Amino acid sequence: MAQASSVDTKTIQKILSRLDQLSEDIKEIKKKLSEPPYGSEEWWTLSDKKAREDIKAGRYKVFSKPDDLIQDLPKSLK
């Protein structure tokens, strides 16, 4: 005999949100696994291409002094 249980809407939303996040994480992992080996000529070419795209799209920061850079680092790296 099957047992039924009820789950409130908030819990279901949390589960679905977590599943969405896990799905995105898996996509990122798959993307990284399909990249050329780190340090290879192919990797450098791909890395350079991505960097140029980031610069063109404005996804970078400029720091006028080293202290500004340090302040921008996550706490775990300070």
N, C-alpha and C. Protein backbone atom coordinates (compact mmCIF):
# COMPACT_ATOMS: atom_id res chain seq x y z
N MET A 1 0.84 -1.18 0.00
CA MET A 1 0.00 0.00 0.00
C MET A 1 0.89 1.25 0.00
N ALA A 2 0.58 2.18 -0.86
CA ALA A 2 1.36 3.42 -0.95
C ALA A 2 0.98 4.36 0.17
N GLN A 3 1.98 5.05 0.67
CA GLN A 3 1.71 6.03 1.72
C GLN A 3 1.74 7.42 1.10
N ALA A 4 0.82 8.24 1.52
CA ALA A 4 0.76 9.61 1.03
C ALA A 4 1.20 10.56 2.14
N SER A 5 1.88 11.59 1.74
CA SER A 5 2.25 12.61 2.72
C SER A 5 2.04 13.98 2.08
N SER A 6 1.79 14.94 2.91
CA SER A 6 1.56 16.28 2.37
C SER A 6 2.78 17.15 2.65
N VAL A 7 3.07 18.02 1.70
CA VAL A 7 4.20 18.94 1.82
C VAL A 7 3.66 20.33 1.54
N ASP A 8 4.01 21.27 2.41
CA ASP A 8 3.49 22.63 2.22
C ASP A 8 4.13 23.29 1.00
N THR A 9 3.47 24.30 0.51
CA THR A 9 3.88 25.00 -0.71
C THR A 9 5.28 25.60 -0.58
N LYS A 10 5.59 26.16 0.58
CA LYS A 10 6.89 26.79 0.80
C LYS A 10 8.02 25.77 0.65
N THR A 11 7.81 24.58 1.19
CA THR A 11 8.82 23.52 1.08
C THR A 11 8.99 23.08 -0.37
N ILE A 12 7.90 22.96 -1.08
CA ILE A 12 7.97 22.57 -2.50
C ILE A 12 8.72 23.64 -3.29
N GLN A 13 8.46 24.92 -3.00
CA GLN A 13 9.16 25.99 -3.69
C GLN A 13 10.66 25.95 -3.40
N LYS A 14 11.02 25.65 -2.15
CA LYS A 14 12.44 25.54 -1.79
C LYS A 14 13.09 24.39 -2.55
N ILE A 15 12.40 23.27 -2.63
CA ILE A 15 12.93 22.10 -3.34
C ILE A 15 13.12 22.42 -4.82
N LEU A 16 12.12 23.04 -5.42
CA LEU A 16 12.21 23.39 -6.84
C LEU A 16 13.32 24.41 -7.10
N SER A 17 13.47 25.36 -6.20
CA SER A 17 14.54 26.35 -6.33
C SER A 17 15.90 25.67 -6.25
N ARG A 18 16.05 24.76 -5.32
CA ARG A 18 17.32 24.04 -5.16
C ARG A 18 17.60 23.18 -6.40
N LEU A 19 16.57 22.56 -6.93
CA LEU A 19 16.74 21.75 -8.15
C LEU A 19 17.18 22.62 -9.33
N ASP A 20 16.61 23.82 -9.43
CA ASP A 20 17.03 24.75 -10.48
C ASP A 20 18.50 25.10 -10.33
N GLN A 21 18.93 25.37 -9.08
CA GLN A 21 20.33 25.72 -8.83
C GLN A 21 21.24 24.54 -9.17
N LEU A 22 20.84 23.35 -8.76
CA LEU A 22 21.65 22.17 -9.07
C LEU A 22 21.75 21.95 -10.58
N SER A 23 20.67 22.22 -11.28
CA SER A 23 20.67 22.08 -12.73
C SER A 23 21.67 23.06 -13.36
N GLU A 24 21.68 24.29 -12.88
CA GLU A 24 22.65 25.28 -13.37
C GLU A 24 24.08 24.86 -13.05
N ASP A 25 24.29 24.35 -11.84
CA ASP A 25 25.63 23.89 -11.45
C ASP A 25 26.11 22.76 -12.36
N ILE A 26 25.22 21.85 -12.69
CA ILE A 26 25.57 20.73 -13.56
C ILE A 26 25.92 21.25 -14.96
N LYS A 27 25.19 22.24 -15.45
CA LYS A 27 25.52 22.82 -16.76
C LYS A 27 26.92 23.41 -16.75
N GLU A 28 27.27 24.12 -15.67
CA GLU A 28 28.61 24.71 -15.56
C GLU A 28 29.68 23.63 -15.54
N ILE A 29 29.44 22.57 -14.80
CA ILE A 29 30.41 21.47 -14.71
C ILE A 29 30.59 20.83 -16.09
N LYS A 30 29.50 20.59 -16.78
CA LYS A 30 29.58 20.00 -18.12
C LYS A 30 30.36 20.90 -19.07
N LYS A 31 30.13 22.22 -18.95
CA LYS A 31 30.84 23.15 -19.80
C LYS A 31 32.34 23.09 -19.53
N LYS A 32 32.72 23.03 -18.26
CA LYS A 32 34.13 22.98 -17.90
C LYS A 32 34.77 21.66 -18.34
N LEU A 33 34.03 20.57 -18.27
CA LEU A 33 34.55 19.28 -18.69
C LEU A 33 34.78 19.22 -20.20
N SER A 34 34.05 20.04 -20.94
CA SER A 34 34.20 20.02 -22.38
C SER A 34 35.32 20.97 -22.86
N GLU A 35 35.89 21.74 -21.93
CA GLU A 35 36.98 22.65 -22.29
C GLU A 35 38.28 21.88 -22.48
N PRO A 36 39.19 22.44 -23.27
CA PRO A 36 40.49 21.80 -23.45
C PRO A 36 41.26 21.76 -22.13
N PRO A 37 42.24 20.88 -22.02
CA PRO A 37 43.03 20.78 -20.78
C PRO A 37 43.72 22.09 -20.43
N TYR A 38 43.72 22.41 -19.14
CA TYR A 38 44.32 23.64 -18.66
C TYR A 38 45.78 23.76 -19.11
N GLY A 39 46.14 24.92 -19.64
CA GLY A 39 47.51 25.18 -20.04
C GLY A 39 47.86 24.79 -21.47
N SER A 40 46.95 24.04 -22.12
CA SER A 40 47.22 23.65 -23.50
C SER A 40 47.04 24.85 -24.43
N GLU A 41 47.56 24.73 -25.63
CA GLU A 41 47.43 25.81 -26.61
C GLU A 41 45.96 26.11 -26.87
N GLU A 42 45.13 25.07 -26.95
CA GLU A 42 43.69 25.25 -27.17
C GLU A 42 43.06 26.00 -26.00
N TRP A 43 43.50 25.67 -24.78
CA TRP A 43 42.96 26.33 -23.59
C TRP A 43 43.29 27.82 -23.62
N TRP A 44 44.55 28.15 -23.96
CA TRP A 44 44.95 29.55 -24.01
C TRP A 44 44.16 30.32 -25.07
N THR A 45 43.92 29.70 -26.20
CA THR A 45 43.14 30.34 -27.26
C THR A 45 41.72 30.61 -26.78
N LEU A 46 41.09 29.62 -26.16
CA LEU A 46 39.74 29.77 -25.64
C LEU A 46 39.70 30.82 -24.52
N SER A 47 40.67 30.77 -23.63
CA SER A 47 40.73 31.72 -22.51
C SER A 47 40.88 33.15 -23.02
N ASP A 48 41.73 33.34 -24.00
CA ASP A 48 41.92 34.66 -24.58
C ASP A 48 40.63 35.16 -25.24
N LYS A 49 39.95 34.27 -25.94
CA LYS A 49 38.69 34.63 -26.59
C LYS A 49 37.66 35.07 -25.55
N LYS A 50 37.55 34.30 -24.46
CA LYS A 50 36.60 34.65 -23.39
C LYS A 50 36.96 35.99 -22.76
N ALA A 51 38.24 36.22 -22.53
CA ALA A 51 38.68 37.49 -21.93
C ALA A 51 38.31 38.66 -22.83
N ARG A 52 38.54 38.52 -24.12
CA ARG A 52 38.20 39.60 -25.05
C ARG A 52 36.69 39.87 -25.06
N GLU A 53 35.90 38.80 -24.97
CA GLU A 53 34.44 38.96 -24.91
C GLU A 53 34.03 39.69 -23.63
N ASP A 54 34.66 39.33 -22.51
CA ASP A 54 34.37 39.99 -21.23
C ASP A 54 34.71 41.47 -21.30
N ILE A 55 35.85 41.80 -21.86
CA ILE A 55 36.26 43.20 -21.98
C ILE A 55 35.29 43.97 -22.87
N LYS A 56 34.93 43.37 -23.99
CA LYS A 56 34.00 44.02 -24.92
C LYS A 56 32.64 44.26 -24.26
N ALA A 57 32.21 43.32 -23.40
CA ALA A 57 30.91 43.43 -22.74
C ALA A 57 30.99 44.27 -21.46
N GLY A 58 32.19 44.73 -21.10
CA GLY A 58 32.33 45.56 -19.90
C GLY A 58 32.36 44.78 -18.60
N ARG A 59 32.65 43.48 -18.67
CA ARG A 59 32.70 42.65 -17.46
C ARG A 59 34.11 42.62 -16.90
N TYR A 60 34.53 43.76 -16.39
CA TYR A 60 35.85 43.86 -15.76
C TYR A 60 35.84 45.05 -14.81
N LYS A 61 36.85 45.11 -13.96
CA LYS A 61 36.99 46.21 -13.01
C LYS A 61 38.38 46.82 -13.17
N VAL A 62 38.46 48.11 -12.91
CA VAL A 62 39.74 48.82 -12.96
C VAL A 62 40.03 49.32 -11.55
N PHE A 63 41.25 49.08 -11.08
CA PHE A 63 41.66 49.52 -9.75
C PHE A 63 42.81 50.50 -9.89
N SER A 64 42.73 51.61 -9.17
CA SER A 64 43.77 52.63 -9.29
C SER A 64 44.96 52.34 -8.38
N LYS A 65 44.75 51.53 -7.36
CA LYS A 65 45.86 51.17 -6.47
C LYS A 65 45.62 49.79 -5.88
N PRO A 66 46.67 49.12 -5.44
CA PRO A 66 46.54 47.76 -4.92
C PRO A 66 45.56 47.63 -3.75
N ASP A 67 45.50 48.62 -2.89
CA ASP A 67 44.57 48.56 -1.75
C ASP A 67 43.12 48.46 -2.20
N ASP A 68 42.80 49.13 -3.31
CA ASP A 68 41.43 49.04 -3.84
C ASP A 68 41.12 47.61 -4.28
N LEU A 69 42.08 46.98 -4.90
CA LEU A 69 41.91 45.59 -5.32
C LEU A 69 41.72 44.69 -4.10
N ILE A 70 42.54 44.87 -3.10
CA ILE A 70 42.45 44.04 -1.89
C ILE A 70 41.09 44.21 -1.22
N GLN A 71 40.58 45.43 -1.19
CA GLN A 71 39.27 45.67 -0.58
C GLN A 71 38.16 44.97 -1.36
N ASP A 72 38.37 44.74 -2.64
CA ASP A 72 37.35 44.12 -3.48
C ASP A 72 37.36 42.58 -3.39
N LEU A 73 38.43 42.03 -2.83
CA LEU A 73 38.53 40.58 -2.72
C LEU A 73 37.54 40.02 -1.71
N PRO A 74 37.07 38.78 -1.93
CA PRO A 74 36.22 38.15 -0.91
C PRO A 74 37.02 37.97 0.39
N LYS A 75 36.33 37.94 1.50
CA LYS A 75 37.00 37.81 2.79
C LYS A 75 37.89 36.58 2.86
N SER A 76 37.47 35.49 2.20
CA SER A 76 38.25 34.25 2.26
C SER A 76 39.62 34.38 1.61
N LEU A 77 39.83 35.37 0.76
CA LEU A 77 41.11 35.54 0.08
C LEU A 77 41.99 36.61 0.73
N LYS A 78 41.45 37.33 1.69
CA LYS A 78 42.22 38.41 2.32
C LYS A 78 43.15 37.85 3.39
